[in-house]
């Protein structure tokens, strides 16, 4: 059965869309760059204070847990109230939390610093979750249908560029201003992003879905009932269900790449830190190039959607396998760095194409009034599996001296799983064609 397309009739000109895209990209670049540097500085400070291995991983533990616990209220909040109002409240709370954090962090010493840090990271995770989901749900209020792909691509470009710049800037600034300087920088960056958001125009539909939000009593029953309607919609969309099946396994097995590369290179192949940095840089540059390419290409809507989704997945599967083969061969540190960065570049390029293509597909097919719940659910499902994968693959890598073999097996498993989903995915796409 064909799906009903969302109403995209809000009148937004191309000039207005271009201005909104520029503001969104600028805001994302500022918040992403400062956020990545802040996380880096937080890890270094914790390492200096506590000498704990968890210093650089505490946020990876807190964020998925917070996302899971807050899934229902965040999804409902974004689909109930005007998006600009929600963003204003979220950014205000984050700014106040940063100021309180800056005022209190030096009152604690050693491992006691984890108290204000964990409290802040919980608020930060909630705010980040709200902001990311809210901007996704507000896409039709910011740009017209013709510019959805450009908005997603340039937003990803801003994030990728911040990934390239943040390591070097983070090291330099930490040495120059210390952690206190990072906190002040993050407050300034949050206020800058806040200011940009306030200048953006959110074009609400004439039949505003938020019109009755002030009159509906909020109870735990109504919260779950409202969220359940979003789940029912997702159950009715075969395409979304197939995508969840694919993305969960993909994210689970991809954690082996995330934690495996530094461990294999440094602890098993003894290459030092240099090749690790080269691989990360190659990955970030390719993500930037991939997102910029989609910015330049004309939007094609849902034409050839099956190929646009499955080809990047197959490339990603094969590159994980090739990465394992590389680590199983005898190479110099330079060889691992050059060949590894090439493989990671192709992998990252395919990953960003896949992500943007699916984001645009959701924007084009999910009704705006349900986007908050759908995006929040998909994001939480994908992120919640990663801590499990991180724990499992940490144990696997530490129990073997052949980390490359783990990646080879992962690539083969993922390739086989993808092939099994080819036919159901193709059928789902054809069944939902308008």
Protein backbone atom coordinates (compact mmCIF):
# COMPACT_ATOMS: atom_id res chain seq x y z
CA UNK A 1 0.00 0.00 0.00
CA UNK A 2 1.34 3.43 -0.92
CA UNK A 3 2.21 5.74 1.96
CA UNK A 4 0.58 9.13 2.37
CA UNK A 5 3.10 11.88 1.76
CA UNK A 6 3.38 14.63 4.40
CA UNK A 7 1.92 18.02 3.61
CA UNK A 8 4.82 20.14 2.33
CA UNK A 9 2.77 23.11 1.17
CA UNK A 10 4.21 25.73 3.55
CA UNK A 11 5.26 28.66 1.37
CA UNK A 12 9.02 29.16 1.86
CA UNK A 13 11.02 30.75 -0.95
CA UNK A 14 14.40 29.49 -2.16
CA UNK A 15 16.02 32.70 -0.86
CA UNK A 16 14.52 32.18 2.59
CA UNK A 17 15.59 28.52 2.51
CA UNK A 18 19.17 29.43 1.57
CA UNK A 19 19.37 31.90 4.45
CA UNK A 20 17.99 29.33 6.89
CA UNK A 21 20.47 26.71 5.63
CA UNK A 22 23.38 29.10 6.19
CA UNK A 23 22.23 29.86 9.73
CA UNK A 24 21.66 26.17 10.53
CA UNK A 25 25.10 25.20 9.18
CA UNK A 26 26.80 28.02 11.12
CA UNK A 27 25.01 27.06 14.33
CA UNK A 28 25.89 23.38 13.88
CA UNK A 29 29.53 24.17 13.16
CA UNK A 30 29.89 26.38 16.25
CA UNK A 31 28.14 23.95 18.61
CA UNK A 32 29.80 20.84 17.17
CA UNK A 33 33.33 22.29 17.17
CA UNK A 34 33.07 23.68 20.69
CA UNK A 35 31.31 20.54 21.93
CA UNK A 36 33.98 18.19 20.58
CA UNK A 37 36.76 20.33 22.05
CA UNK A 38 34.91 20.54 25.37
CA UNK A 39 34.56 16.74 25.49
CA UNK A 40 38.27 16.41 24.69
CA UNK A 41 39.22 18.89 27.41
CA UNK A 42 36.91 17.17 29.90
CA UNK A 43 38.60 13.83 29.18
CA UNK A 44 42.08 15.28 29.64
CA UNK A 45 41.11 16.99 32.89
CA UNK A 46 39.56 13.81 34.27
CA UNK A 47 42.59 11.81 33.25
CA UNK A 48 44.84 14.27 35.09
CA UNK A 49 42.64 14.27 38.19
CA UNK A 50 41.52 10.64 38.48
CA UNK A 51 44.00 8.68 36.30
CA UNK A 52 41.05 6.50 35.31
CA UNK A 53 40.63 4.71 31.96
CA UNK A 54 36.98 5.79 31.93
CA UNK A 55 37.97 9.46 31.51
CA UNK A 56 37.37 9.55 27.76
CA UNK A 57 34.39 7.17 27.79
CA UNK A 58 32.07 8.54 30.47
CA UNK A 59 29.96 10.49 27.97
CA UNK A 60 29.57 7.36 25.79
CA UNK A 61 28.00 5.64 28.79
CA UNK A 62 25.73 8.47 29.95
CA UNK A 63 24.31 9.61 26.58
CA UNK A 64 22.69 6.29 25.50
CA UNK A 65 21.22 5.70 28.97
CA UNK A 66 19.74 9.21 29.08
CA UNK A 67 18.43 8.81 25.54
CA UNK A 68 16.65 5.58 26.46
CA UNK A 69 15.14 6.93 29.68
CA UNK A 70 13.97 10.18 28.07
CA UNK A 71 12.76 8.70 24.78
CA UNK A 72 9.03 9.02 25.49
CA UNK A 73 8.94 12.56 26.98
CA UNK A 74 11.37 14.02 24.43
CA UNK A 75 9.53 12.56 21.44
CA UNK A 76 6.19 13.81 22.77
CA UNK A 77 7.58 17.23 23.76
CA UNK A 78 8.86 17.91 20.25
CA UNK A 79 5.62 16.84 18.57
CA UNK A 80 3.44 18.79 21.04
CA UNK A 81 4.96 22.28 21.34
CA UNK A 82 6.30 24.80 18.79
CA UNK A 83 9.84 23.77 17.87
CA UNK A 84 11.36 27.21 18.42
CA UNK A 85 9.89 27.29 21.93
CA UNK A 86 11.33 23.86 22.70
CA UNK A 87 14.78 24.87 21.40
CA UNK A 88 14.68 28.08 23.44
CA UNK A 89 13.95 26.17 26.63
CA UNK A 90 16.59 23.53 25.90
CA UNK A 91 19.38 26.00 25.11
CA UNK A 92 18.46 28.15 28.13
CA UNK A 93 18.72 25.11 30.41
CA UNK A 94 22.06 24.10 28.90
CA UNK A 95 23.49 27.60 29.30
CA UNK A 96 22.44 27.75 32.97
CA UNK A 97 23.86 24.25 33.53
CA UNK A 98 27.19 25.33 32.03
CA UNK A 99 27.35 28.41 34.28
CA UNK A 100 26.59 26.31 37.38
CA UNK A 101 29.13 23.73 36.25
CA UNK A 102 31.82 26.39 35.81
CA UNK A 103 31.06 27.80 39.27
CA UNK A 104 31.10 24.42 41.05
CA UNK A 105 33.71 22.23 39.33
CA UNK A 106 36.67 23.61 41.32
CA UNK A 107 34.87 22.98 44.61
CA UNK A 108 35.54 19.25 44.11
CA UNK A 109 38.85 17.39 43.87
CA UNK A 110 40.08 14.07 42.47
CA UNK A 111 37.32 11.50 41.86
CA UNK A 112 34.76 13.78 43.58
CA UNK A 113 34.84 15.88 40.39
CA UNK A 114 32.74 13.11 38.83
CA UNK A 115 29.72 14.41 40.82
CA UNK A 116 29.30 17.78 38.99
CA UNK A 117 30.56 16.23 35.75
CA UNK A 118 27.98 13.44 35.70
CA UNK A 119 25.18 15.85 36.66
CA UNK A 120 26.17 18.24 33.87
CA UNK A 121 26.57 15.46 31.29
CA UNK A 122 23.04 14.23 32.07
CA UNK A 123 21.60 17.71 31.42
CA UNK A 124 23.84 18.09 28.37
CA UNK A 125 22.70 14.74 26.96
CA UNK A 126 19.03 15.68 27.40
CA UNK A 127 19.58 19.08 25.78
CA UNK A 128 21.59 17.67 22.87
CA UNK A 129 18.96 14.98 22.28
CA UNK A 130 16.18 17.57 22.26
CA UNK A 131 18.09 19.96 19.98
CA UNK A 132 19.09 17.33 17.39
CA UNK A 133 15.62 15.76 17.25
CA UNK A 134 13.88 19.13 17.22
CA UNK A 135 15.90 20.46 14.29
CA UNK A 136 15.16 17.24 12.36
CA UNK A 137 11.44 17.54 13.10
CA UNK A 138 11.44 21.24 12.12
CA UNK A 139 13.01 20.76 8.68
CA UNK A 140 9.76 21.56 6.83
CA UNK A 141 9.41 24.74 8.88
CA UNK A 142 12.89 25.98 7.91
CA UNK A 143 13.23 25.17 4.19
CA UNK A 144 11.05 24.18 1.25
CA UNK A 145 10.93 20.61 -0.07
CA UNK A 146 13.49 21.38 -2.81
CA UNK A 147 16.14 22.30 -0.21
CA UNK A 148 15.76 19.45 2.31
CA UNK A 149 18.77 17.59 0.88
CA UNK A 150 20.90 20.75 0.91
CA UNK A 151 20.01 21.42 4.55
CA UNK A 152 20.91 17.86 5.63
CA UNK A 153 24.11 17.85 3.55
CA UNK A 154 25.44 21.23 4.71
CA UNK A 155 24.58 20.42 8.33
CA UNK A 156 26.61 17.21 8.01
CA UNK A 157 29.39 19.18 6.28
CA UNK A 158 29.59 21.53 9.27
CA UNK A 159 29.81 18.59 11.68
CA UNK A 160 32.48 16.88 9.55
CA UNK A 161 34.57 20.06 9.31
CA UNK A 162 34.43 20.43 13.09
CA UNK A 163 35.67 16.83 13.41
CA UNK A 164 38.71 17.71 11.29
CA UNK A 165 39.56 20.88 13.21
CA UNK A 166 38.69 19.90 16.79
CA UNK A 167 41.64 17.55 17.62
CA UNK A 168 44.37 20.06 16.78
CA UNK A 169 42.48 23.03 18.24
CA UNK A 170 41.62 21.01 21.35
CA UNK A 171 45.23 20.11 22.09
CA UNK A 172 46.42 23.68 21.55
CA UNK A 173 43.69 25.33 23.60
CA UNK A 174 44.00 22.89 26.49
CA UNK A 175 47.69 23.67 26.76
CA UNK A 176 46.99 27.39 26.47
CA UNK A 177 43.90 28.04 28.63
CA UNK A 178 43.32 24.78 30.54
CA UNK A 179 39.93 23.25 31.29
CA UNK A 180 38.49 26.47 32.73
CA UNK A 181 39.04 28.10 29.36
CA UNK A 182 37.18 25.26 27.67
CA UNK A 183 34.15 25.81 29.91
CA UNK A 184 34.08 29.55 29.16
CA UNK A 185 34.46 28.81 25.43
CA UNK A 186 31.54 26.37 25.58
CA UNK A 187 29.34 28.98 27.30
CA UNK A 188 30.17 31.55 24.62
CA UNK A 189 29.57 29.00 21.82
CA UNK A 190 26.21 27.95 23.31
CA UNK A 191 25.12 31.60 23.51
CA UNK A 192 26.23 32.14 19.89
CA UNK A 193 24.22 29.11 18.68
CA UNK A 194 21.29 30.31 20.78
CA UNK A 195 21.46 33.75 19.16
CA UNK A 196 21.54 32.28 15.65
CA UNK A 197 18.54 30.05 16.41
CA UNK A 198 16.53 33.06 17.64
CA UNK A 199 17.05 34.78 14.26
CA UNK A 200 15.71 31.77 12.35
CA UNK A 201 12.14 31.84 11.06
CA UNK A 202 10.04 28.76 11.80
CA UNK A 203 7.17 28.64 9.31
CA UNK A 204 4.31 26.80 11.00
CA UNK A 205 1.54 25.25 8.95
CA UNK A 206 -1.82 27.00 8.81
CA UNK A 207 -3.41 23.97 10.52
CA UNK A 208 -0.89 24.18 13.34
CA UNK A 209 -0.50 20.85 15.15
CA UNK A 210 0.59 22.78 18.26
CA UNK A 211 -2.63 24.77 18.53
CA UNK A 212 -4.18 22.71 21.33
CA UNK A 213 -0.96 21.86 23.15
CA UNK A 214 -1.61 24.30 25.99
CA UNK A 215 -5.00 22.78 26.83
CA UNK A 216 -4.14 19.07 27.00
CA UNK A 217 -3.38 17.83 30.54
CA UNK A 218 -0.06 15.99 30.75
CA UNK A 219 -0.26 12.63 32.52
CA UNK A 220 1.92 9.53 32.37
CA UNK A 221 -0.95 7.74 30.62
CA UNK A 222 -1.34 10.46 27.98
CA UNK A 223 2.44 10.57 27.50
CA UNK A 224 2.62 6.86 26.71
CA UNK A 225 -0.58 6.95 24.67
CA UNK A 226 0.77 9.77 22.52
CA UNK A 227 4.10 8.04 22.05
CA UNK A 228 2.34 4.74 21.30
CA UNK A 229 0.62 6.39 18.35
CA UNK A 230 4.08 7.16 16.96
CA UNK A 231 5.13 3.53 17.44
CA UNK A 232 1.96 2.35 15.68
CA UNK A 233 2.85 4.56 12.73
CA UNK A 234 6.36 3.06 12.59
CA UNK A 235 4.89 -0.46 12.74
CA UNK A 236 2.73 0.41 9.72
CA UNK A 237 5.83 1.43 7.72
CA UNK A 238 7.59 -1.72 6.48
CA UNK A 239 10.44 0.38 5.14
CA UNK A 240 11.18 1.83 8.58
CA UNK A 241 11.04 -1.62 10.21
CA UNK A 242 13.50 -3.07 7.67
CA UNK A 243 15.80 -0.07 8.14
CA UNK A 244 15.79 -0.58 11.92
CA UNK A 245 16.74 -4.24 11.46
CA UNK A 246 19.65 -3.19 9.25
CA UNK A 247 20.85 -0.16 11.22
CA UNK A 248 20.84 -1.88 14.62
CA UNK A 249 23.12 -4.69 13.42
CA UNK A 250 25.23 -2.21 11.44
CA UNK A 251 25.76 0.03 14.48
CA UNK A 252 26.45 -2.97 16.71
CA UNK A 253 29.13 -4.44 14.43
CA UNK A 254 30.56 -1.01 13.55
CA UNK A 255 31.58 -0.48 17.17
CA UNK A 256 34.33 -3.03 16.42
CA UNK A 257 35.80 -0.50 13.97
CA UNK A 258 35.46 2.43 16.39
CA UNK A 259 37.23 0.78 19.31
CA UNK A 260 39.25 -1.72 17.27
CA UNK A 261 41.34 0.64 15.12
CA UNK A 262 43.23 2.41 17.96
CA UNK A 263 43.61 -0.84 19.92
CA UNK A 264 44.89 -2.90 16.97
CA UNK A 265 47.30 -0.24 15.72
CA UNK A 266 48.71 0.81 19.07
CA UNK A 267 48.59 -2.32 21.23
CA UNK A 268 48.84 -5.15 18.70
CA UNK A 269 50.79 -3.68 15.78
CA UNK A 270 52.75 -1.15 17.91
CA UNK A 271 52.54 1.65 15.35
CA UNK A 272 52.19 4.49 17.87
CA UNK A 273 49.60 7.28 17.71
CA UNK A 274 50.53 8.66 14.28
CA UNK A 275 48.60 6.20 12.06
CA UNK A 276 45.54 6.47 14.31
CA UNK A 277 45.41 10.22 13.74
CA UNK A 278 45.88 9.77 9.98
CA UNK A 279 42.97 7.29 9.78
CA UNK A 280 40.68 9.59 11.78
CA UNK A 281 41.62 12.56 9.61
CA UNK A 282 41.01 10.58 6.41
CA UNK A 283 37.61 9.53 7.71
CA UNK A 284 36.60 13.09 8.66
CA UNK A 285 37.74 14.54 5.31
CA UNK A 286 35.79 11.91 3.37
CA UNK A 287 32.65 12.62 5.40
CA UNK A 288 33.05 16.30 4.56
CA UNK A 289 33.51 15.52 0.84
CA UNK A 290 30.50 13.18 0.82
CA UNK A 291 28.19 15.71 2.43
CA UNK A 292 29.44 18.51 0.14
CA UNK A 293 28.84 16.27 -2.90
CA UNK A 294 25.19 15.80 -1.93
CA UNK A 295 24.92 19.56 -1.48
CA UNK A 296 25.95 20.08 -5.10
CA UNK A 297 23.82 17.28 -6.58
CA UNK A 298 20.20 18.09 -7.45
CA UNK A 299 17.63 16.41 -5.17
CA UNK A 300 16.24 13.25 -6.74
CA UNK A 301 13.51 12.52 -4.22
CA UNK A 302 12.75 8.81 -3.88
CA UNK A 303 13.99 7.82 -7.36
CA UNK A 304 16.32 4.82 -7.28
CA UNK A 305 16.01 4.80 -3.48
CA UNK A 306 16.91 1.10 -3.24
CA UNK A 307 20.25 1.65 -4.99
CA UNK A 308 20.97 4.84 -3.04
CA UNK A 309 20.59 2.92 0.21
CA UNK A 310 22.00 -0.52 -0.56
CA UNK A 311 25.14 0.47 -2.50
CA UNK A 312 26.59 2.50 0.42
CA UNK A 313 25.78 -0.37 2.81
CA UNK A 314 27.55 -2.93 0.60
CA UNK A 315 30.57 -0.61 0.25
CA UNK A 316 30.66 -0.14 4.02
CA UNK A 317 30.53 -3.92 4.59
CA UNK A 318 33.36 -4.57 2.16
CA UNK A 319 35.59 -1.83 3.60
CA UNK A 320 35.31 -3.28 7.12
CA UNK A 321 36.45 -6.60 5.67
CA UNK A 322 39.34 -4.93 3.78
CA UNK A 323 40.38 -3.08 6.92
CA UNK A 324 40.69 -6.42 8.70
CA UNK A 325 42.72 -7.84 5.80
CA UNK A 326 45.06 -4.83 5.98
CA UNK A 327 45.67 -5.34 9.70
CA UNK A 328 46.39 -9.04 9.11
CA UNK A 329 49.16 -8.26 6.61
CA UNK A 330 52.67 -7.10 7.39
CA UNK A 331 52.98 -3.36 6.81
CA UNK A 332 55.08 -0.49 8.07
CA UNK A 333 53.38 2.21 10.19
CA UNK A 334 53.35 4.37 7.06
CA UNK A 335 51.69 1.58 5.09
CA UNK A 336 49.00 1.09 7.71
CA UNK A 337 48.42 4.84 7.80
CA UNK A 338 48.17 5.38 4.02
CA UNK A 339 46.20 2.26 3.09
CA UNK A 340 44.09 2.49 6.24
CA UNK A 341 43.16 6.12 5.64
CA UNK A 342 42.16 5.25 2.05
CA UNK A 343 39.91 2.40 3.25
CA UNK A 344 38.46 4.49 6.09
CA UNK A 345 37.90 7.34 3.65
CA UNK A 346 35.78 5.15 1.36
CA UNK A 347 33.94 3.74 4.40
CA UNK A 348 33.19 7.19 5.82
CA UNK A 349 32.12 8.49 2.40
CA UNK A 350 29.61 5.63 2.05
CA UNK A 351 28.39 6.13 5.62
CA UNK A 352 27.61 9.83 5.20
CA UNK A 353 25.82 9.21 1.87
CA UNK A 354 23.72 6.52 3.57
CA UNK A 355 22.87 8.70 6.58
CA UNK A 356 21.87 11.77 4.56
CA UNK A 357 19.85 9.73 2.05
CA UNK A 358 17.81 8.13 4.82
CA UNK A 359 17.39 11.44 6.70
CA UNK A 360 15.99 13.06 3.56
CA UNK A 361 13.72 10.04 2.96
CA UNK A 362 12.26 10.39 6.46
CA UNK A 363 11.68 14.11 5.96
CA UNK A 364 9.89 13.44 2.68
CA UNK A 365 7.64 10.62 3.88
CA UNK A 366 6.89 11.04 7.61
CA UNK A 367 4.13 13.51 8.59
CA UNK A 368 5.61 16.53 10.40
CA UNK A 369 3.39 15.95 13.44
CA UNK A 370 5.07 12.54 13.95
CA UNK A 371 8.67 13.37 13.04
CA UNK A 372 9.77 14.09 16.61
CA UNK A 373 8.68 10.69 17.89
CA UNK A 374 9.98 8.81 14.84
CA UNK A 375 13.41 10.49 14.85
CA UNK A 376 13.76 10.18 18.64
CA UNK A 377 12.92 6.47 18.50
CA UNK A 378 15.30 5.69 15.63
CA UNK A 379 18.15 7.66 17.24
CA UNK A 380 17.65 5.98 20.62
CA UNK A 381 17.40 2.47 19.15
CA UNK A 382 20.64 2.95 17.20
CA UNK A 383 22.61 4.56 20.03
CA UNK A 384 21.40 2.15 22.72
CA UNK A 385 23.02 -0.85 21.03
CA UNK A 386 26.46 0.78 20.92
CA UNK A 387 27.40 0.43 24.63
CA UNK A 388 26.65 -3.31 24.36
CA UNK A 389 28.81 -3.55 21.26
CA UNK A 390 31.57 -1.53 22.92
CA UNK A 391 31.64 -3.85 25.95
CA UNK A 392 31.52 -7.03 23.88
CA UNK A 393 34.18 -6.04 21.36
CA UNK A 394 36.44 -4.68 24.11
CA UNK A 395 36.45 -8.16 25.65
CA UNK A 396 36.96 -9.81 22.25
CA UNK A 397 39.89 -7.61 21.23
CA UNK A 398 41.58 -8.04 24.59
CA UNK A 399 41.27 -11.84 24.33
CA UNK A 400 42.92 -12.16 20.90
CA UNK A 401 46.17 -11.09 19.28
CA UNK A 402 44.57 -11.02 15.82
CA UNK A 403 42.29 -7.99 15.90
CA UNK A 404 42.24 -7.85 12.11
CA UNK A 405 40.53 -11.25 12.04
CA UNK A 406 37.71 -9.85 14.19
CA UNK A 407 37.11 -7.13 11.58
CA UNK A 408 37.21 -9.68 8.74
CA UNK A 409 34.57 -11.82 10.48
CA UNK A 410 32.48 -8.69 11.16
CA UNK A 411 32.66 -7.66 7.50
CA UNK A 412 31.59 -11.13 6.33
CA UNK A 413 28.72 -11.30 8.85
CA UNK A 414 27.52 -7.83 7.89
CA UNK A 415 27.77 -8.59 4.17
CA UNK A 416 25.74 -11.78 4.61
CA UNK A 417 23.13 -10.00 6.73
CA UNK A 418 22.82 -7.22 4.14
CA UNK A 419 22.28 -9.75 1.33
CA UNK A 420 19.49 -11.38 3.36
CA UNK A 421 17.70 -8.02 3.60
CA UNK A 422 18.03 -7.11 -0.10
CA UNK A 423 14.72 -8.58 -1.19
CA UNK A 424 12.63 -7.41 1.82
CA UNK A 425 14.08 -3.89 1.47
CA UNK A 426 13.32 -3.74 -2.25
CA UNK A 427 9.77 -5.00 -1.68
CA UNK A 428 9.23 -2.48 1.13
CA UNK A 429 10.35 0.43 -1.06
CA UNK A 430 8.09 -0.62 -3.94
CA UNK A 431 5.12 -1.19 -1.64
CA UNK A 432 5.40 2.34 -0.24
CA UNK A 433 5.81 4.17 -3.53
CA UNK A 434 3.20 6.94 -3.84
